[in-house]
C-alpha cells in the first residue's frame, strides 16, 4: 500500500510539473491533423492534467485514510 501511495504522489508531482508551464502559457502543445495542419492542443492537455490531478489526489486521500486506520 505504501509503495502504491508513493507512486501516486510521484505521478501527482509530475502532472503538476507538466501543468504549470502550460497553464501559465509558457509552452503550448500541438498535433498535426489528418489534413496536415497543426492544431493547438494546449487547452485539452491542461484539462486532461487537471482531471488526472483530481483523480490521483482522491486516490491519495483514500490511501492515506486507510493507512491511518491500520
PDB file of N, CA and C in Angstrom:
ATOM      1  N   UNK A   1       0.835  -1.197   0.000  1.00  0.00           N
ATOM      2  CA  UNK A   1       0.000   0.000   0.000  1.00  0.00           C
ATOM      3  C   UNK A   1       0.877   1.258   0.000  1.00  0.00           C
ATOM      4  N   UNK A   2       1.935   1.247   0.807  1.00  0.00           N
ATOM      5  CA  UNK A   2       2.819   2.411   0.881  1.00  0.00           C
ATOM      6  C   UNK A   2       3.501   2.683  -0.451  1.00  0.00           C
ATOM      7  N   UNK A   3       3.907   1.622  -1.137  1.00  0.00           N
ATOM      8  CA  UNK A   3       4.567   1.793  -2.434  1.00  0.00           C
ATOM      9  C   UNK A   3       3.598   2.389  -3.460  1.00  0.00           C
ATOM     10  N   UNK A   4       2.354   1.937  -3.441  1.00  0.00           N
ATOM     11  CA  UNK A   4       1.357   2.470  -4.364  1.00  0.00           C
ATOM     12  C   UNK A   4       1.106   3.949  -4.078  1.00  0.00           C
ATOM     13  N   UNK A   5       0.991   4.311  -2.817  1.00  0.00           N
ATOM     14  CA  UNK A   5       0.811   5.717  -2.443  1.00  0.00           C
ATOM     15  C   UNK A   5       2.005   6.539  -2.913  1.00  0.00           C
ATOM     16  N   UNK A   6       3.188   6.000  -2.761  1.00  0.00           N
ATOM     17  CA  UNK A   6       4.395   6.700  -3.214  1.00  0.00           C
ATOM     18  C   UNK A   6       4.341   6.933  -4.729  1.00  0.00           C
ATOM     19  N   UNK A   7       3.916   5.937  -5.476  1.00  0.00           N
ATOM     20  CA  UNK A   7       3.801   6.071  -6.935  1.00  0.00           C
ATOM     21  C   UNK A   7       2.764   7.131  -7.306  1.00  0.00           C
ATOM     22  N   UNK A   8       1.646   7.156  -6.586  1.00  0.00           N
ATOM     23  CA  UNK A   8       0.600   8.152  -6.827  1.00  0.00           C
ATOM     24  C   UNK A   8       1.150   9.551  -6.567  1.00  0.00           C
ATOM     25  N   UNK A   9       1.875   9.713  -5.479  1.00  0.00           N
ATOM     26  CA  UNK A   9       2.440  11.026  -5.137  1.00  0.00           C
ATOM     27  C   UNK A   9       3.486  11.475  -6.157  1.00  0.00           C
ATOM     28  N   UNK A  10       4.278  10.521  -6.673  1.00  0.00           N
ATOM     29  CA  UNK A  10       5.237  10.857  -7.730  1.00  0.00           C
ATOM     30  C   UNK A  10       4.516  11.292  -9.005  1.00  0.00           C
ATOM     31  N   UNK A  11       3.453  10.587  -9.342  1.00  0.00           N
ATOM     32  CA  UNK A  11       2.676  10.950 -10.530  1.00  0.00           C
ATOM     33  C   UNK A  11       2.048  12.327 -10.360  1.00  0.00           C
ATOM     34  N   UNK A  12       1.532  12.610  -9.176  1.00  0.00           N
ATOM     35  CA  UNK A  12       0.959  13.934  -8.907  1.00  0.00           C
ATOM     36  C   UNK A  12       1.993  15.030  -9.119  1.00  0.00           C
ATOM     37  N   UNK A  13       3.184  14.816  -8.606  1.00  0.00           N
ATOM     38  CA  UNK A  13       4.251  15.811  -8.768  1.00  0.00           C
ATOM     39  C   UNK A  13       4.566  16.009 -10.250  1.00  0.00           C
ATOM     40  N   UNK A  14       4.609  14.916 -11.014  1.00  0.00           N
ATOM     41  CA  UNK A  14       4.886  15.001 -12.444  1.00  0.00           C
ATOM     42  C   UNK A  14       3.775  15.744 -13.181  1.00  0.00           C
ATOM     43  N   UNK A  15       2.511  15.417 -12.874  1.00  0.00           N
ATOM     44  CA  UNK A  15       1.382  16.100 -13.516  1.00  0.00           C
ATOM     45  C   UNK A  15       1.421  17.603 -13.216  1.00  0.00           C
ATOM     46  N   UNK A  16       1.678  17.956 -11.971  1.00  0.00           N
ATOM     47  CA  UNK A  16       1.742  19.379 -11.602  1.00  0.00           C
ATOM     48  C   UNK A  16       2.886  20.082 -12.316  1.00  0.00           C
ATOM     49  N   UNK A  17       4.012  19.386 -12.437  1.00  0.00           N
ATOM     50  CA  UNK A  17       5.175  19.948 -13.139  1.00  0.00           C
ATOM     51  C   UNK A  17       4.830  20.200 -14.615  1.00  0.00           C
ATOM     52  N   UNK A  18       4.099  19.291 -15.228  1.00  0.00           N
ATOM     53  CA  UNK A  18       3.682  19.461 -16.623  1.00  0.00           C
ATOM     54  C   UNK A  18       2.652  20.582 -16.768  1.00  0.00           C
ATOM     55  N   UNK A  19       1.741  20.669 -15.796  1.00  0.00           N
ATOM     56  CA  UNK A  19       0.638  21.630 -15.880  1.00  0.00           C
ATOM     57  C   UNK A  19       1.107  23.078 -15.759  1.00  0.00           C
ATOM     58  N   UNK A  20       2.053  23.324 -14.886  1.00  0.00           N
ATOM     59  CA  UNK A  20       2.453  24.698 -14.580  1.00  0.00           C
ATOM     60  C   UNK A  20       2.791  25.537 -15.819  1.00  0.00           C
ATOM     61  N   UNK A  21       3.719  25.119 -16.665  1.00  0.00           N
ATOM     62  CA  UNK A  21       4.045  25.969 -17.823  1.00  0.00           C
ATOM     63  C   UNK A  21       2.921  26.039 -18.859  1.00  0.00           C
ATOM     64  N   UNK A  22       2.129  24.985 -18.961  1.00  0.00           N
ATOM     65  CA  UNK A  22       1.005  25.002 -19.900  1.00  0.00           C
ATOM     66  C   UNK A  22      -0.059  25.991 -19.445  1.00  0.00           C
ATOM     67  N   UNK A  23      -0.416  25.930 -18.163  1.00  0.00           N
ATOM     68  CA  UNK A  23      -1.452  26.815 -17.627  1.00  0.00           C
ATOM     69  C   UNK A  23      -1.001  28.274 -17.638  1.00  0.00           C
ATOM     70  N   UNK A  24       0.298  28.492 -17.486  1.00  0.00           N
ATOM     71  CA  UNK A  24       0.831  29.854 -17.481  1.00  0.00           C
ATOM     72  C   UNK A  24       1.033  30.402 -18.901  1.00  0.00           C
ATOM     73  N   UNK A  25       0.861  29.557 -19.903  1.00  0.00           N
ATOM     74  CA  UNK A  25       1.042  29.993 -21.283  1.00  0.00           C
ATOM     75  C   UNK A  25       2.499  30.060 -21.713  1.00  0.00           C
ATOM     76  N   UNK A  26       3.384  29.473 -20.915  1.00  0.00           N
ATOM     77  CA  UNK A  26       4.812  29.487 -21.231  1.00  0.00           C
ATOM     78  C   UNK A  26       5.116  28.554 -22.391  1.00  0.00           C
ATOM     79  N   UNK A  27       4.451  27.408 -22.407  1.00  0.00           N
ATOM     80  CA  UNK A  27       4.602  26.482 -23.524  1.00  0.00           C
ATOM     81  C   UNK A  27       3.224  26.089 -24.046  1.00  0.00           C
ATOM     82  N   UNK A  28       3.205  25.586 -25.260  1.00  0.00           N
ATOM     83  CA  UNK A  28       1.961  25.153 -25.887  1.00  0.00           C
ATOM     84  C   UNK A  28       2.192  23.761 -26.449  1.00  0.00           C
ATOM     85  N   UNK A  29       1.116  23.024 -26.638  1.00  0.00           N
ATOM     86  CA  UNK A  29       1.207  21.718 -27.279  1.00  0.00           C
ATOM     87  C   UNK A  29       0.383  21.751 -28.559  1.00  0.00           C
ATOM     88  N   UNK A  30       0.762  20.886 -29.477  1.00  0.00           N
ATOM     89  CA  UNK A  30       0.058  20.836 -30.761  1.00  0.00           C
ATOM     90  C   UNK A  30       0.207  19.442 -31.348  1.00  0.00           C
ATOM     91  N   UNK A  31      -0.646  19.170 -32.309  1.00  0.00           N
ATOM     92  CA  UNK A  31      -0.540  17.936 -33.072  1.00  0.00           C
ATOM     93  C   UNK A  31      -0.869  18.248 -34.524  1.00  0.00           C
ATOM     94  N   UNK A  32      -0.480  17.360 -35.377  1.00  0.00           N
ATOM     95  CA  UNK A  32      -0.763  17.518 -36.799  1.00  0.00           C
ATOM     96  C   UNK A  32      -2.047  16.747 -37.113  1.00  0.00           C
ATOM     97  N   UNK A  33      -3.018  17.449 -37.686  1.00  0.00           N
ATOM     98  CA  UNK A  33      -4.292  16.817 -38.033  1.00  0.00           C
ATOM     99  C   UNK A  33      -4.130  15.971 -39.294  1.00  0.00           C
ATOM    100  N   UNK A  34      -5.183  15.248 -39.621  1.00  0.00           N
ATOM    101  CA  UNK A  34      -5.157  14.380 -40.805  1.00  0.00           C
ATOM    102  C   UNK A  34      -4.904  15.156 -42.091  1.00  0.00           C
ATOM    103  N   UNK A  35      -5.328  16.417 -42.115  1.00  0.00           N
ATOM    104  CA  UNK A  35      -5.114  17.215 -43.327  1.00  0.00           C
ATOM    105  C   UNK A  35      -3.770  17.940 -43.313  1.00  0.00           C
ATOM    106  N   UNK A  36      -2.908  17.620 -42.341  1.00  0.00           N
ATOM    107  CA  UNK A  36      -1.558  18.179 -42.302  1.00  0.00           C
ATOM    108  C   UNK A  36      -1.426  19.506 -41.590  1.00  0.00           C
ATOM    109  N   UNK A  37      -2.519  20.023 -41.049  1.00  0.00           N
ATOM    110  CA  UNK A  37      -2.459  21.310 -40.350  1.00  0.00           C
ATOM    111  C   UNK A  37      -2.116  21.086 -38.884  1.00  0.00           C
ATOM    112  N   UNK A  38      -1.398  22.043 -38.337  1.00  0.00           N
ATOM    113  CA  UNK A  38      -1.047  21.985 -36.923  1.00  0.00           C
ATOM    114  C   UNK A  38      -2.224  22.510 -36.096  1.00  0.00           C
ATOM    115  N   UNK A  39      -2.616  21.740 -35.076  1.00  0.00           N
ATOM    116  CA  UNK A  39      -3.765  22.082 -34.245  1.00  0.00           C
ATOM    117  C   UNK A  39      -3.278  22.257 -32.808  1.00  0.00           C
ATOM    118  N   UNK A  40      -3.606  23.389 -32.196  1.00  0.00           N
ATOM    119  CA  UNK A  40      -3.228  23.658 -30.811  1.00  0.00           C
ATOM    120  C   UNK A  40      -4.020  22.727 -29.890  1.00  0.00           C
ATOM    121  N   UNK A  41      -3.319  21.985 -29.063  1.00  0.00           N
ATOM    122  CA  UNK A  41      -3.959  21.048 -28.137  1.00  0.00           C
ATOM    123  C   UNK A  41      -3.698  21.427 -26.682  1.00  0.00           C
ATOM    124  N   UNK A  42      -3.214  22.631 -26.467  1.00  0.00           N
ATOM    125  CA  UNK A  42      -2.824  23.052 -25.124  1.00  0.00           C
ATOM    126  C   UNK A  42      -3.980  22.986 -24.139  1.00  0.00           C
ATOM    127  N   UNK A  43      -5.121  23.545 -24.489  1.00  0.00           N
ATOM    128  CA  UNK A  43      -6.245  23.572 -23.558  1.00  0.00           C
ATOM    129  C   UNK A  43      -6.724  22.165 -23.224  1.00  0.00           C
ATOM    130  N   UNK A  44      -6.743  21.299 -24.220  1.00  0.00           N
ATOM    131  CA  UNK A  44      -7.149  19.913 -23.967  1.00  0.00           C
ATOM    132  C   UNK A  44      -6.153  19.236 -23.021  1.00  0.00           C
ATOM    133  N   UNK A  45      -4.874  19.506 -23.203  1.00  0.00           N
ATOM    134  CA  UNK A  45      -3.851  18.917 -22.322  1.00  0.00           C
ATOM    135  C   UNK A  45      -3.988  19.459 -20.902  1.00  0.00           C
ATOM    136  N   UNK A  46      -4.250  20.760 -20.762  1.00  0.00           N
ATOM    137  CA  UNK A  46      -4.452  21.362 -19.443  1.00  0.00           C
ATOM    138  C   UNK A  46      -5.636  20.696 -18.742  1.00  0.00           C
ATOM    139  N   UNK A  47      -6.739  20.525 -19.442  1.00  0.00           N
ATOM    140  CA  UNK A  47      -7.918  19.893 -18.861  1.00  0.00           C
ATOM    141  C   UNK A  47      -7.643  18.445 -18.474  1.00  0.00           C
ATOM    142  N   UNK A  48      -6.926  17.721 -19.321  1.00  0.00           N
ATOM    143  CA  UNK A  48      -6.583  16.338 -19.028  1.00  0.00           C
ATOM    144  C   UNK A  48      -5.728  16.260 -17.765  1.00  0.00           C
ATOM    145  N   UNK A  49      -4.723  17.117 -17.679  1.00  0.00           N
ATOM    146  CA  UNK A  49      -3.857  17.113 -16.499  1.00  0.00           C
ATOM    147  C   UNK A  49      -4.633  17.460 -15.234  1.00  0.00           C
ATOM    148  N   UNK A  50      -5.529  18.427 -15.315  1.00  0.00           N
ATOM    149  CA  UNK A  50      -6.333  18.792 -14.147  1.00  0.00           C
ATOM    150  C   UNK A  50      -7.214  17.628 -13.700  1.00  0.00           C
ATOM    151  N   UNK A  51      -7.789  16.897 -14.656  1.00  0.00           N
ATOM    152  CA  UNK A  51      -8.603  15.731 -14.307  1.00  0.00           C
ATOM    153  C   UNK A  51      -7.745  14.642 -13.661  1.00  0.00           C
ATOM    154  N   UNK A  52      -6.561  14.425 -14.224  1.00  0.00           N
ATOM    155  CA  UNK A  52      -5.666  13.415 -13.650  1.00  0.00           C
ATOM    156  C   UNK A  52      -5.270  13.786 -12.222  1.00  0.00           C
ATOM    157  N   UNK A  53      -4.945  15.043 -12.021  1.00  0.00           N
ATOM    158  CA  UNK A  53      -4.564  15.505 -10.687  1.00  0.00           C
ATOM    159  C   UNK A  53      -5.702  15.284  -9.705  1.00  0.00           C
ATOM    160  N   UNK A  54      -6.908  15.640 -10.092  1.00  0.00           N
ATOM    161  CA  UNK A  54      -8.061  15.460  -9.203  1.00  0.00           C
ATOM    162  C   UNK A  54      -8.275  13.985  -8.877  1.00  0.00           C
ATOM    163  N   UNK A  55      -8.173  13.124  -9.869  1.00  0.00           N
ATOM    164  CA  UNK A  55      -8.372  11.695  -9.639  1.00  0.00           C
ATOM    165  C   UNK A  55      -7.277  11.117  -8.745  1.00  0.00           C
ATOM    166  N   UNK A  56      -6.047  11.474  -9.008  1.00  0.00           N
ATOM    167  CA  UNK A  56      -4.935  10.950  -8.218  1.00  0.00           C
ATOM    168  C   UNK A  56      -4.966  11.501  -6.796  1.00  0.00           C
ATOM    169  N   UNK A  57      -5.374  12.756  -6.645  1.00  0.00           N
ATOM    170  CA  UNK A  57      -5.496  13.304  -5.290  1.00  0.00           C
ATOM    171  C   UNK A  57      -6.556  12.553  -4.498  1.00  0.00           C
ATOM    172  N   UNK A  58      -7.669  12.222  -5.139  1.00  0.00           N
ATOM    173  CA  UNK A  58      -8.729  11.470  -4.467  1.00  0.00           C
ATOM    174  C   UNK A  58      -8.224  10.089  -4.050  1.00  0.00           C
ATOM    175  N   UNK A  59      -7.469   9.451  -4.898  1.00  0.00           N
ATOM    176  CA  UNK A  59      -6.893   8.145  -4.561  1.00  0.00           C
ATOM    177  C   UNK A  59      -5.941   8.284  -3.384  1.00  0.00           C
ATOM    178  N   UNK A  60      -5.094   9.300  -3.418  1.00  0.00           N
ATOM    179  CA  UNK A  60      -4.126   9.513  -2.340  1.00  0.00           C
ATOM    180  C   UNK A  60      -4.826   9.756  -1.010  1.00  0.00           C
ATOM    181  N   UNK A  61      -5.897  10.516  -1.018  1.00  0.00           N
ATOM    182  CA  UNK A  61      -6.650  10.778   0.213  1.00  0.00           C
ATOM    183  C   UNK A  61      -7.178   9.464   0.789  1.00  0.00           C
ATOM    184  N   UNK A  62      -7.745   8.628  -0.061  1.00  0.00           N
ATOM    185  CA  UNK A  62      -8.277   7.345   0.401  1.00  0.00           C
ATOM    186  C   UNK A  62      -7.172   6.446   0.942  1.00  0.00           C
ATOM    187  N   UNK A  63      -6.049   6.399   0.243  1.00  0.00           N
ATOM    188  CA  UNK A  63      -4.945   5.565   0.698  1.00  0.00           C
ATOM    189  C   UNK A  63      -4.392   6.045   2.039  1.00  0.00           C
ATOM    190  N   UNK A  64      -4.274   7.348   2.194  1.00  0.00           N
ATOM    191  CA  UNK A  64      -3.779   7.887   3.469  1.00  0.00           C
ATOM    192  C   UNK A  64      -4.753   7.580   4.604  1.00  0.00           C
ATOM    193  N   UNK A  65      -6.038   7.680   4.322  1.00  0.00           N
ATOM    194  CA  UNK A  65      -7.054   7.393   5.345  1.00  0.00           C
ATOM    195  C   UNK A  65      -6.985   5.913   5.752  1.00  0.00           C
ATOM    196  N   UNK A  66      -6.823   5.036   4.788  1.00  0.00           N
ATOM    197  CA  UNK A  66      -6.723   3.608   5.094  1.00  0.00           C
ATOM    198  C   UNK A  66      -5.457   3.300   5.877  1.00  0.00           C
ATOM    199  N   UNK A  67      -4.392   3.996   5.535  1.00  0.00           N
ATOM    200  CA  UNK A  67      -3.131   3.788   6.251  1.00  0.00           C
ATOM    201  C   UNK A  67      -3.259   4.211   7.708  1.00  0.00           C
ATOM    202  N   UNK A  68      -3.997   5.295   7.971  1.00  0.00           N
ATOM    203  CA  UNK A  68      -4.202   5.764   9.347  1.00  0.00           C
ATOM    204  C   UNK A  68      -5.049   4.775  10.150  1.00  0.00           C
ATOM    205  N   UNK A  69      -5.982   4.103   9.471  1.00  0.00           N
ATOM    206  CA  UNK A  69      -6.832   3.122  10.143  1.00  0.00           C
ATOM    207  C   UNK A  69      -6.033   1.908  10.606  1.00  0.00           C
ATOM    208  N   UNK A  70      -5.032   1.558   9.809  1.00  0.00           N
ATOM    209  CA  UNK A  70      -4.257   0.332  10.070  1.00  0.00           C
ATOM    210  C   UNK A  70      -3.350   0.428  11.262  1.00  0.00           C
TER     211      UNK A  70
END
